[in-house]
C-alpha atoms as a PDB file:
ATOM      1  CA  MET A   1      -1.112  15.609 -40.493  1.00  0.00           C
ATOM      2  CA  ASN A   2      -4.676  15.169 -39.416  1.00  0.00           C
ATOM      3  CA  VAL A   3      -4.996  13.632 -36.106  1.00  0.00           C
ATOM      4  CA  LEU A   4      -7.776  11.923 -34.150  1.00  0.00           C
ATOM      5  CA  LEU A   5      -7.478  12.191 -30.760  1.00  0.00           C
ATOM      6  CA  ALA A   6      -9.361  10.137 -28.618  1.00  0.00           C
ATOM      7  CA  GLY A   7     -10.008  11.705 -25.073  1.00  0.00           C
ATOM      8  CA  GLY A   8      -8.958  15.086 -26.064  1.00  0.00           C
ATOM      9  CA  ALA A   9     -11.024  16.861 -23.585  1.00  0.00           C
ATOM     10  CA  GLY A  10      -9.220  15.393 -20.646  1.00  0.00           C
ATOM     11  CA  TYR A  11      -6.692  16.883 -18.939  1.00  0.00           C
ATOM     12  CA  ILE A  12      -3.674  14.996 -21.040  1.00  0.00           C
ATOM     13  CA  GLY A  13      -5.851  15.187 -24.301  1.00  0.00           C
ATOM     14  CA  SER A  14      -6.028  18.805 -24.304  1.00  0.00           C
ATOM     15  CA  HIS A  15      -2.585  19.635 -23.500  1.00  0.00           C
ATOM     16  CA  THR A  16      -1.558  16.857 -26.528  1.00  0.00           C
ATOM     17  CA  CYS A  17      -4.104  18.515 -28.480  1.00  0.00           C
ATOM     18  CA  VAL A  18      -2.618  22.201 -28.028  1.00  0.00           C
ATOM     19  CA  GLU A  19       0.910  20.524 -28.682  1.00  0.00           C
ATOM     20  CA  LEU A  20      -0.183  18.931 -31.960  1.00  0.00           C
ATOM     21  CA  ILE A  21      -2.131  22.295 -33.386  1.00  0.00           C
ATOM     22  CA  ASN A  22       1.104  24.145 -32.276  1.00  0.00           C
ATOM     23  CA  ALA A  23       3.450  21.666 -34.387  1.00  0.00           C
ATOM     24  CA  GLY A  24       1.197  22.381 -37.253  1.00  0.00           C
ATOM     25  CA  HIS A  25      -1.238  19.299 -37.135  1.00  0.00           C
ATOM     26  CA  ASP A  26      -5.152  19.198 -37.933  1.00  0.00           C
ATOM     27  CA  VAL A  27      -6.780  17.690 -34.798  1.00  0.00           C
ATOM     28  CA  VAL A  28     -10.314  16.082 -34.639  1.00  0.00           C
ATOM     29  CA  ILE A  29     -11.199  15.213 -31.061  1.00  0.00           C
ATOM     30  CA  ALA A  30     -13.479  12.284 -30.081  1.00  0.00           C
ATOM     31  CA  ASP A  31     -14.233  11.955 -26.615  1.00  0.00           C
ATOM     32  CA  ASN A  32     -17.495  10.287 -24.544  1.00  0.00           C
ATOM     33  CA  PHE A  33     -16.918  13.066 -21.568  1.00  0.00           C
ATOM     34  CA  SER A  34     -16.874  10.201 -19.073  1.00  0.00           C
ATOM     35  CA  ASN A  35     -14.124  12.521 -17.276  1.00  0.00           C
ATOM     36  CA  SER A  36     -13.895  15.459 -18.939  1.00  0.00           C
ATOM     37  CA  CYS A  37     -16.068  18.396 -20.398  1.00  0.00           C
ATOM     38  CA  PRO A  38     -16.662  20.273 -23.924  1.00  0.00           C
ATOM     39  CA  VAL A  39     -15.411  23.418 -22.021  1.00  0.00           C
ATOM     40  CA  ALA A  40     -11.716  22.189 -22.040  1.00  0.00           C
ATOM     41  CA  VAL A  41     -11.911  22.033 -26.032  1.00  0.00           C
ATOM     42  CA  GLU A  42     -13.684  25.720 -26.041  1.00  0.00           C
ATOM     43  CA  ARG A  43     -10.445  26.559 -23.920  1.00  0.00           C
ATOM     44  CA  VAL A  44      -8.106  25.007 -26.444  1.00  0.00           C
ATOM     45  CA  GLU A  45      -9.771  26.823 -29.201  1.00  0.00           C
ATOM     46  CA  GLU A  46      -9.112  30.251 -27.468  1.00  0.00           C
ATOM     47  CA  LEU A  47      -5.689  29.074 -26.657  1.00  0.00           C
ATOM     48  CA  THR A  48      -4.650  27.786 -30.163  1.00  0.00           C
ATOM     49  CA  GLY A  49      -7.046  30.400 -32.366  1.00  0.00           C
ATOM     50  CA  ARG A  50      -8.600  27.201 -34.335  1.00  0.00           C
ATOM     51  CA  LYS A  51     -11.767  25.617 -34.343  1.00  0.00           C
ATOM     52  CA  ILE A  52     -11.576  21.799 -33.570  1.00  0.00           C
ATOM     53  CA  PRO A  53     -14.169  19.157 -34.690  1.00  0.00           C
ATOM     54  CA  LEU A  54     -15.564  17.587 -31.726  1.00  0.00           C
ATOM     55  CA  TYR A  55     -17.404  14.317 -31.613  1.00  0.00           C
ATOM     56  CA  GLU A  56     -19.168  12.793 -28.533  1.00  0.00           C
ATOM     57  CA  ALA A  57     -18.126   9.242 -29.038  1.00  0.00           C
ATOM     58  CA  ASP A  58     -16.848   6.540 -26.972  1.00  0.00           C
ATOM     59  CA  VAL A  59     -13.763   4.913 -28.738  1.00  0.00           C
ATOM     60  CA  CYS A  60     -14.502   1.460 -27.479  1.00  0.00           C
ATOM     61  CA  ASP A  61     -17.646   1.743 -29.895  1.00  0.00           C
ATOM     62  CA  ARG A  62     -16.700   0.536 -33.441  1.00  0.00           C
ATOM     63  CA  ASP A  63     -19.506   1.962 -34.577  1.00  0.00           C
ATOM     64  CA  ALA A  64     -19.336   5.681 -33.068  1.00  0.00           C
ATOM     65  CA  VAL A  65     -15.638   5.600 -34.298  1.00  0.00           C
ATOM     66  CA  GLU A  66     -16.743   4.587 -37.840  1.00  0.00           C
ATOM     67  CA  LYS A  67     -19.144   7.542 -37.757  1.00  0.00           C
ATOM     68  CA  THR A  68     -16.542   9.873 -36.750  1.00  0.00           C
ATOM     69  CA  PHE A  69     -14.353   8.763 -39.627  1.00  0.00           C
ATOM     70  CA  ARG A  70     -17.321   9.041 -42.058  1.00  0.00           C
ATOM     71  CA  MET A  71     -17.975  12.649 -40.612  1.00  0.00           C
ATOM     72  CA  GLU A  72     -14.123  13.281 -40.913  1.00  0.00           C
ATOM     73  CA  LYS A  73     -13.009  11.794 -44.394  1.00  0.00           C
ATOM     74  CA  SER A  74      -9.932  13.924 -44.759  1.00  0.00           C
ATOM     75  CA  TYR A  75      -8.450  12.051 -41.545  1.00  0.00           C
ATOM     76  CA  LEU A  76      -5.366   9.843 -42.770  1.00  0.00           C
ATOM     77  CA  GLY A  77      -6.169   6.253 -42.838  1.00  0.00           C
ATOM     78  CA  PHE A  78      -9.721   6.518 -43.390  1.00  0.00           C
ATOM     79  CA  ASP A  79     -10.394   2.736 -43.051  1.00  0.00           C
ATOM     80  CA  VAL A  80      -7.341   1.804 -41.093  1.00  0.00           C
ATOM     81  CA  PHE A  81      -9.272   1.381 -37.843  1.00  0.00           C
ATOM     82  CA  ARG A  82     -11.775  -1.120 -39.354  1.00  0.00           C
ATOM     83  CA  VAL A  83     -11.726  -3.927 -36.774  1.00  0.00           C
ATOM     84  CA  HIS A  84     -14.041  -6.623 -35.668  1.00  0.00           C
ATOM     85  CA  ASP A  85     -13.981  -6.255 -31.810  1.00  0.00           C
ATOM     86  CA  THR A  86     -13.288  -3.400 -29.266  1.00  0.00           C
ATOM     87  CA  GLU A  87     -10.292  -4.773 -27.991  1.00  0.00           C
ATOM     88  CA  LYS A  88      -8.434  -4.524 -31.230  1.00  0.00           C
ATOM     89  CA  LEU A  89     -10.111  -1.057 -31.831  1.00  0.00           C
ATOM     90  CA  GLU A  90      -8.631  -0.013 -28.420  1.00  0.00           C
ATOM     91  CA  SER A  91      -5.162  -1.505 -29.185  1.00  0.00           C
ATOM     92  CA  LYS A  92      -5.056   0.469 -32.821  1.00  0.00           C
ATOM     93  CA  VAL A  93      -6.407   3.836 -31.067  1.00  0.00           C
ATOM     94  CA  PHE A  94      -3.531   3.553 -28.244  1.00  0.00           C
ATOM     95  CA  ILE A  95      -0.808   2.365 -30.780  1.00  0.00           C
ATOM     96  CA  SER A  96      -1.548   5.104 -33.240  1.00  0.00           C
ATOM     97  CA  PHE A  97      -1.488   7.733 -30.388  1.00  0.00           C
ATOM     98  CA  VAL A  98       1.834   6.563 -29.023  1.00  0.00           C
ATOM     99  CA  ALA A  99       3.574   6.604 -32.690  1.00  0.00           C
ATOM    100  CA  LEU A 100       2.193  10.048 -33.096  1.00  0.00           C
ATOM    101  CA  ILE A 101       3.966  10.943 -29.845  1.00  0.00           C
ATOM    102  CA  ILE A 102       7.259   9.262 -30.950  1.00  0.00           C
ATOM    103  CA  ARG A 103       6.797  10.830 -34.454  1.00  0.00           C
ATOM    104  CA  ASN A 104       6.239  14.462 -32.725  1.00  0.00           C
ATOM    105  CA  GLU A 105       9.422  13.508 -30.402  1.00  0.00           C
ATOM    106  CA  ILE A 106      11.523  12.751 -33.416  1.00  0.00           C
ATOM    107  CA  TYR A 107      10.331  15.812 -35.309  1.00  0.00           C
ATOM    108  CA  GLN A 108      11.231  17.990 -32.381  1.00  0.00           C
ATOM    109  CA  ALA A 109      14.540  16.584 -31.886  1.00  0.00           C
ATOM    110  CA  LEU A 110      15.386  16.864 -35.631  1.00  0.00           C
ATOM    111  CA  LYS A 111      14.031  20.243 -36.119  1.00  0.00           C
ATOM    112  CA  PRO A 112      17.458  21.857 -36.499  1.00  0.00           C
ATOM    113  CA  MET A 113      18.735  19.088 -39.011  1.00  0.00           C
ATOM    114  CA  TYR A 114      15.364  19.743 -40.954  1.00  0.00           C
ATOM    115  CA  LYS A 115      15.663  23.405 -41.145  1.00  0.00           C
ATOM    116  CA  LYS A 116      19.102  22.815 -43.086  1.00  0.00           C
ATOM    117  CA  ASN A 117      17.815  20.083 -45.317  1.00  0.00           C
ATOM    118  CA  ARG A 118      14.046  19.993 -45.712  1.00  0.00           C
ATOM    119  CA  LYS A 119      14.385  17.223 -48.397  1.00  0.00           C
ATOM    120  CA  GLU A 120      16.471  14.834 -46.603  1.00  0.00           C
ATOM    121  CA  ASN A 121      15.649  15.290 -42.864  1.00  0.00           C
ATOM    122  CA  THR A 122      11.987  14.383 -42.806  1.00  0.00           C
ATOM    123  CA  VAL A 123      10.585  12.064 -40.147  1.00  0.00           C
ATOM    124  CA  PRO A 124       9.537   9.233 -42.702  1.00  0.00           C
ATOM    125  CA  LYS A 125      13.366   9.400 -43.715  1.00  0.00           C
ATOM    126  CA  VAL A 126      14.761   9.649 -40.395  1.00  0.00           C
ATOM    127  CA  ILE A 127      12.447   6.424 -39.190  1.00  0.00           C
ATOM    128  CA  ARG A 128      13.783   4.600 -42.403  1.00  0.00           C
ATOM    129  CA  GLU A 129      17.169   5.371 -41.179  1.00  0.00           C
ATOM    130  CA  TYR A 130      16.360   4.029 -37.803  1.00  0.00           C
ATOM    131  CA  GLU A 131      15.038   0.783 -39.328  1.00  0.00           C
ATOM    132  CA  ARG A 132      18.437   0.060 -40.812  1.00  0.00           C
ATOM    133  CA  LEU A 133      19.926  -0.063 -37.620  1.00  0.00           C
ATOM    134  CA  GLY A 134      19.616  -3.488 -36.521  1.00  0.00           C
ATOM    135  CA  ILE A 135      20.732  -7.067 -35.227  1.00  0.00           C
ATOM    136  CA  THR A 136      20.887  -9.923 -37.613  1.00  0.00           C
ATOM    137  CA  LYS A 137      20.921 -13.738 -37.254  1.00  0.00           C
ATOM    138  CA  LEU A 138      23.818 -15.299 -39.510  1.00  0.00           C
ATOM    139  CA  SER A 139      24.170 -18.567 -40.564  1.00  0.00           C
ATOM    140  CA  ASP A 140      26.488 -19.560 -37.574  1.00  0.00           C
ATOM    141  CA  ASN A 141      23.006 -19.181 -35.494  1.00  0.00           C
ATOM    142  CA  LYS A 142      24.355 -16.127 -33.522  1.00  0.00           C
ATOM    143  CA  TYR A 143      23.482 -12.604 -33.261  1.00  0.00           C
ATOM    144  CA  HIS A 144      25.370  -9.821 -34.887  1.00  0.00           C
ATOM    145  CA  VAL A 145      25.204  -6.001 -35.440  1.00  0.00           C
ATOM    146  CA  ARG A 146      23.937  -5.444 -39.093  1.00  0.00           C
ATOM    147  CA  TYR A 147      26.516  -2.795 -40.122  1.00  0.00           C
ATOM    148  CA  SER A 148      28.538   0.117 -38.570  1.00  0.00           C
ATOM    149  CA  LEU A 149      27.029   3.486 -38.344  1.00  0.00           C
ATOM    150  CA  THR A 150      26.999   5.771 -41.287  1.00  0.00           C
ATOM    151  CA  SER A 151      27.657   9.261 -40.822  1.00  0.00           C
ATOM    152  CA  ARG A 152      24.063  10.064 -41.305  1.00  0.00           C
ATOM    153  CA  GLN A 153      22.725   7.577 -38.719  1.00  0.00           C
ATOM    154  CA  LYS A 154      25.401   9.340 -36.342  1.00  0.00           C
ATOM    155  CA  LYS A 155      23.803  12.669 -36.592  1.00  0.00           C
ATOM    156  CA  ILE A 156      20.328  11.403 -36.322  1.00  0.00           C
ATOM    157  CA  LEU A 157      21.371   9.590 -33.240  1.00  0.00           C
ATOM    158  CA  GLY A 158      23.361  12.641 -31.961  1.00  0.00           C
ATOM    159  CA  ALA A 159      20.368  14.896 -32.357  1.00  0.00           C
ATOM    160  CA  VAL A 160      18.673  12.746 -29.827  1.00  0.00           C
ATOM    161  CA  GLY A 161      21.397  12.544 -27.467  1.00  0.00           C
ATOM    162  CA  VAL A 162      22.738   9.279 -28.221  1.00  0.00           C
ATOM    163  CA  THR A 163      26.602   8.914 -29.056  1.00  0.00           C
ATOM    164  CA  GLU A 164      28.007   6.282 -31.304  1.00  0.00           C
ATOM    165  CA  LYS A 165      29.565   4.591 -27.904  1.00  0.00           C
ATOM    166  CA  ASP A 166      26.294   4.353 -26.348  1.00  0.00           C
ATOM    167  CA  TYR A 167      24.538   2.851 -29.157  1.00  0.00           C
ATOM    168  CA  MET A 168      27.236   0.111 -29.548  1.00  0.00           C
ATOM    169  CA  ASP A 169      27.049  -0.533 -25.910  1.00  0.00           C
ATOM    170  CA  LYS A 170      23.455  -0.834 -25.879  1.00  0.00           C
ATOM    171  CA  VAL A 171      23.553  -2.944 -29.003  1.00  0.00           C
ATOM    172  CA  ASN A 172      26.420  -5.176 -27.951  1.00  0.00           C
ATOM    173  CA  LYS A 173      24.774  -5.925 -24.805  1.00  0.00           C
ATOM    174  CA  ILE A 174      21.567  -6.988 -26.604  1.00  0.00           C
ATOM    175  CA  VAL A 175      23.571  -9.088 -28.741  1.00  0.00           C
ATOM    176  CA  GLN A 176      24.912 -10.793 -26.115  1.00  0.00           C
ATOM    177  CA  ALA A 177      21.581 -11.123 -24.086  1.00  0.00           C
ATOM    178  CA  LEU A 178      20.315 -12.815 -27.402  1.00  0.00           C
ATOM    179  CA  ASN A 179      23.348 -15.125 -27.966  1.00  0.00           C
ATOM    180  CA  GLU A 180      23.266 -16.263 -24.370  1.00  0.00           C
ATOM    181  CA  SER A 181      19.510 -17.332 -24.562  1.00  0.00           C
END
């Protein structure tokens, strides 16, 4: 996956960049160097052995971000960040960064399952399984657990260290709190 890493020349960003590259992702860095320097990116290139596209850009500046996307048209979601004000842009960049971290955590936790069955244990399919876990409000105006866990869901939760009992305890507490409110 191609990733635009905002602040990739900083301390956290450069470490994140190394991990993303080690996980097989292609990284493009946009940084305004307000609290970092291009030397950090050079060091990441030395550590990973890969050339990293680097743009001096402030991600709060919509025009600068759109220019970066025009330069890197291979980035997934080329027009996803088209927004009308900087607050929305900052939110989208932050949410995308957090989503990438979560996706990588899921991938790392499920790596043994993925090696056994590369077709069924991809991150998107696992996320769809997570989406099926849920609580619904029925006609009696009370919340209920949607379904019991399938064996696949149990394996996926087990891979991230959650037992069926842990899951049901948490969900029942949430249901109880929702029904009391």
